[in-house]
Amino acid sequence: MTDSPASASASAPAAQALAELAELLAPGRAAVAEEALFAYDDPDAYVRTHATRLDRRGIDAPIENLAWIALVDALTAQGLLAEVDWKEGCDEIRRQLRGLESRPTVDPWSLAGPEDAGGTDGTDGTDAEPLDTAAFLNEAGRLHLEQGVALAVLDIESDCYPLVCFPARRAGELTPLASRAGFYAAVLGADAL
């Protein structure tokens, strides 16, 4: 009997952390872990299999963070990740977050007071300039945490913010798991962006 690719990689600490991270962000959706582990175990085959999708990212050969990109793409396919541009407007960010399957049941901005980033323009309720994207995301993270949902970014070393939501009670697991897998992730509103 031969090991399947998923079970062969399970003994590697980074692969194990990647699988645990996939389960944290996509509970019960084995396809997410399978895709990330496929990229981890056989990067050449992964690039061949997903050439069209990877071409949109400018990837045409295996790269060091391919398994991380695969995780981001698998989460996106499941409706669990929104990728927003580094200079995206606040309204667009809110629209994309509302589209996530893992979002809070109550829109965090509907409960925010005027002193919060509750305005659609991304201001802090004063006459100040709108918050920049990073500041807005940190405020959004804080509002999400108040609803029991962690809003986090999975850093893919690009000019975008891949955003995910998951239960806040498990927020402390994200950054260490990502680090063990060889990548960086942070809970917004709790960790510094």
Protein backbone atom coordinates (compact mmCIF):
# COMPACT_ATOMS: atom_id res chain seq x y z
CA MET A 1 0.00 0.00 0.00
CA THR A 2 1.36 3.43 -0.93
CA ASP A 3 0.74 6.65 0.89
CA SER A 4 -1.48 9.24 -0.74
CA PRO A 5 0.07 12.70 -1.23
CA ALA A 6 -1.92 14.07 1.71
CA SER A 7 -0.74 11.33 4.07
CA ALA A 8 2.86 11.53 2.79
CA SER A 9 3.05 15.22 3.63
CA ALA A 10 1.31 14.79 6.98
CA SER A 11 4.61 13.87 8.63
CA ALA A 12 6.26 17.20 7.68
CA PRO A 13 5.69 19.86 10.38
CA ALA A 14 5.01 22.61 7.83
CA ALA A 15 2.50 20.47 5.96
CA GLN A 16 0.79 19.49 9.20
CA ALA A 17 0.50 23.16 10.17
CA LEU A 18 -0.87 23.99 6.72
CA ALA A 19 -3.51 21.26 7.08
CA GLU A 20 -4.44 22.51 10.57
CA LEU A 21 -4.67 26.06 9.27
CA ALA A 22 -6.96 24.93 6.43
CA GLU A 23 -9.22 23.23 8.98
CA LEU A 24 -9.21 26.35 11.19
CA LEU A 25 -10.28 28.59 8.31
CA ALA A 26 -12.49 26.11 6.45
CA PRO A 27 -13.84 23.61 8.98
CA GLY A 28 -15.17 20.44 7.40
CA ARG A 29 -14.09 21.46 3.90
CA ALA A 30 -11.39 18.93 3.13
CA ALA A 31 -10.90 20.29 -0.41
CA VAL A 32 -9.13 23.35 1.03
CA ALA A 33 -6.46 21.32 2.81
CA GLU A 34 -6.18 18.93 -0.14
CA GLU A 35 -5.41 21.77 -2.54
CA ALA A 36 -2.84 23.39 -0.26
CA LEU A 37 -1.15 20.03 0.37
CA PHE A 38 -1.16 19.21 -3.35
CA ALA A 39 0.83 22.41 -3.96
CA TYR A 40 3.12 21.57 -1.04
CA ASP A 41 3.74 17.95 -2.11
CA ASP A 42 3.99 18.35 -5.88
CA PRO A 43 4.47 21.97 -6.90
CA ASP A 44 5.21 21.14 -10.54
CA ALA A 45 1.99 19.15 -10.94
CA TYR A 46 0.06 21.84 -9.08
CA VAL A 47 1.31 24.54 -11.45
CA ARG A 48 0.42 22.39 -14.48
CA THR A 49 -3.05 21.62 -13.10
CA HIS A 50 -3.87 25.22 -12.16
CA ALA A 51 -1.91 27.04 -14.88
CA THR A 52 -4.76 29.33 -15.96
CA ARG A 53 -5.61 30.49 -12.45
CA LEU A 54 -1.95 30.91 -11.48
CA ASP A 55 -1.23 32.87 -14.68
CA ARG A 56 -3.54 35.63 -13.34
CA ARG A 57 -1.10 35.93 -10.44
CA GLY A 58 1.93 35.95 -12.73
CA ILE A 59 2.96 32.46 -11.62
CA ASP A 60 4.10 30.04 -14.31
CA ALA A 61 6.51 27.88 -12.30
CA PRO A 62 6.72 26.67 -8.71
CA ILE A 63 7.52 29.41 -6.19
CA GLU A 64 8.45 29.28 -2.53
CA ASN A 65 5.00 30.26 -1.22
CA LEU A 66 2.97 28.19 -3.71
CA ALA A 67 1.20 26.18 -0.99
CA TRP A 68 0.17 29.44 0.70
CA ILE A 69 -1.17 30.79 -2.62
CA ALA A 70 -3.01 27.48 -3.08
CA LEU A 71 -4.59 27.88 0.37
CA VAL A 72 -5.69 31.44 -0.50
CA ASP A 73 -7.15 30.30 -3.82
CA ALA A 74 -8.93 27.32 -2.26
CA LEU A 75 -10.46 29.54 0.45
CA THR A 76 -11.57 31.99 -2.25
CA ALA A 77 -13.22 29.19 -4.23
CA GLN A 78 -15.16 28.19 -1.09
CA GLY A 79 -16.40 31.77 -0.50
CA LEU A 80 -14.24 32.08 2.63
CA LEU A 81 -11.67 34.67 1.50
CA ALA A 82 -11.90 38.14 -0.01
CA GLU A 83 -8.82 39.61 -1.65
CA VAL A 84 -8.86 43.42 -1.49
CA ASP A 85 -6.41 45.84 -3.03
CA TRP A 86 -4.03 47.72 -0.71
CA LYS A 87 -5.73 51.00 -1.62
CA GLU A 88 -9.32 49.72 -1.83
CA GLY A 89 -12.12 52.02 -0.70
CA CYS A 90 -13.91 51.32 2.55
CA ASP A 91 -17.29 50.69 0.90
CA GLU A 92 -15.79 48.06 -1.40
CA ILE A 93 -14.01 46.35 1.49
CA ARG A 94 -17.27 46.19 3.45
CA ARG A 95 -19.10 44.82 0.38
CA GLN A 96 -16.53 42.07 -0.04
CA LEU A 97 -16.55 41.17 3.66
CA ARG A 98 -20.36 40.90 3.60
CA GLY A 99 -19.94 38.33 0.81
CA LEU A 100 -17.90 35.91 2.94
CA GLU A 101 -19.71 32.79 4.10
CA SER A 102 -17.83 33.01 7.40
CA ARG A 103 -18.83 36.62 8.16
CA PRO A 104 -20.59 37.54 11.41
CA THR A 105 -24.36 37.02 11.37
CA VAL A 106 -24.79 40.70 12.26
CA ASP A 107 -22.95 43.33 10.21
CA PRO A 108 -20.40 44.76 12.67
CA TRP A 109 -20.90 48.27 11.28
CA SER A 110 -24.62 48.19 12.03
CA LEU A 111 -23.77 48.07 15.75
CA ALA A 112 -20.88 50.53 15.65
CA GLY A 113 -21.28 53.98 17.11
CA PRO A 114 -20.32 57.13 15.23
CA GLU A 115 -16.93 57.13 16.95
CA ASP A 116 -16.14 53.82 15.21
CA ALA A 117 -15.38 53.29 11.53
CA GLY A 118 -19.10 52.87 11.03
CA GLY A 119 -19.48 55.45 8.33
CA THR A 120 -19.52 54.25 4.78
CA ASP A 121 -16.73 56.69 3.99
CA GLY A 122 -14.31 55.00 6.42
CA THR A 123 -13.97 57.97 8.70
CA ASP A 124 -13.68 57.64 12.42
CA GLY A 125 -16.82 59.73 13.01
CA THR A 126 -14.96 63.05 13.07
CA ASP A 127 -14.23 65.50 10.29
CA ALA A 128 -10.95 63.69 9.69
CA GLU A 129 -9.83 62.27 6.37
CA PRO A 130 -11.01 58.73 5.59
CA LEU A 131 -8.91 55.98 7.16
CA ASP A 132 -6.29 54.42 4.92
CA THR A 133 -6.87 50.79 4.01
CA ALA A 134 -4.66 49.33 6.75
CA ALA A 135 -6.25 51.51 9.45
CA PHE A 136 -9.73 50.72 8.17
CA LEU A 137 -8.98 46.98 8.21
CA ASN A 138 -7.68 47.16 11.77
CA GLU A 139 -10.87 48.97 12.84
CA ALA A 140 -12.94 46.40 10.93
CA GLY A 141 -11.05 43.66 12.75
CA ARG A 142 -11.83 45.24 16.11
CA LEU A 143 -15.54 45.47 15.22
CA HIS A 144 -15.55 41.85 14.05
CA LEU A 145 -13.89 40.68 17.28
CA GLU A 146 -16.71 42.37 19.23
CA GLN A 147 -19.09 40.08 17.30
CA GLY A 148 -17.09 36.95 18.16
CA VAL A 149 -15.52 36.67 14.71
CA ALA A 150 -11.84 37.19 13.94
CA LEU A 151 -11.01 39.05 10.74
CA ALA A 152 -7.52 38.13 9.58
CA VAL A 153 -5.11 38.75 6.74
CA LEU A 154 -3.02 36.01 5.11
CA ASP A 155 0.10 37.78 3.82
CA ILE A 156 0.98 36.61 0.29
CA GLU A 157 3.71 39.26 -0.16
CA SER A 158 1.62 41.16 -2.68
CA ASP A 159 -0.18 44.50 -2.91
CA CYS A 160 -3.41 43.07 -1.58
CA TYR A 161 -5.00 41.90 1.65
CA PRO A 162 -6.39 38.34 1.52
CA LEU A 163 -9.05 38.49 4.28
CA VAL A 164 -10.72 35.63 6.13
CA CYS A 165 -13.18 35.34 9.02
CA PHE A 166 -13.22 32.57 11.61
CA PRO A 167 -14.33 32.11 15.25
CA ALA A 168 -12.63 34.66 17.52
CA ARG A 169 -12.27 32.05 20.28
CA ARG A 170 -9.62 30.41 18.06
CA ALA A 171 -7.86 33.64 17.02
CA GLY A 172 -4.73 32.81 19.02
CA GLU A 173 -4.09 29.76 16.83
CA LEU A 174 -3.76 31.60 13.51
CA THR A 175 -0.37 33.33 13.65
CA PRO A 176 1.50 30.39 15.25
CA LEU A 177 0.04 27.92 12.73
CA ALA A 178 0.93 30.19 9.82
CA SER A 179 4.44 30.61 11.22
CA ARG A 180 4.88 26.83 11.59
CA ALA A 181 3.76 26.48 7.96
CA GLY A 182 6.38 29.08 6.97
CA PHE A 183 4.05 32.02 6.31
CA TYR A 184 2.57 35.08 8.03
CA ALA A 185 -1.00 35.78 9.06
CA ALA A 186 -2.44 38.26 11.56
CA VAL A 187 -5.75 38.85 13.29
CA LEU A 188 -6.82 42.39 12.47
CA GLY A 189 -7.75 44.61 15.37
CA ALA A 190 -5.63 42.44 17.67
CA ASP A 191 -2.28 42.07 15.88
CA ALA A 192 -0.43 44.95 14.25
CA LEU A 193 -0.95 45.06 10.51
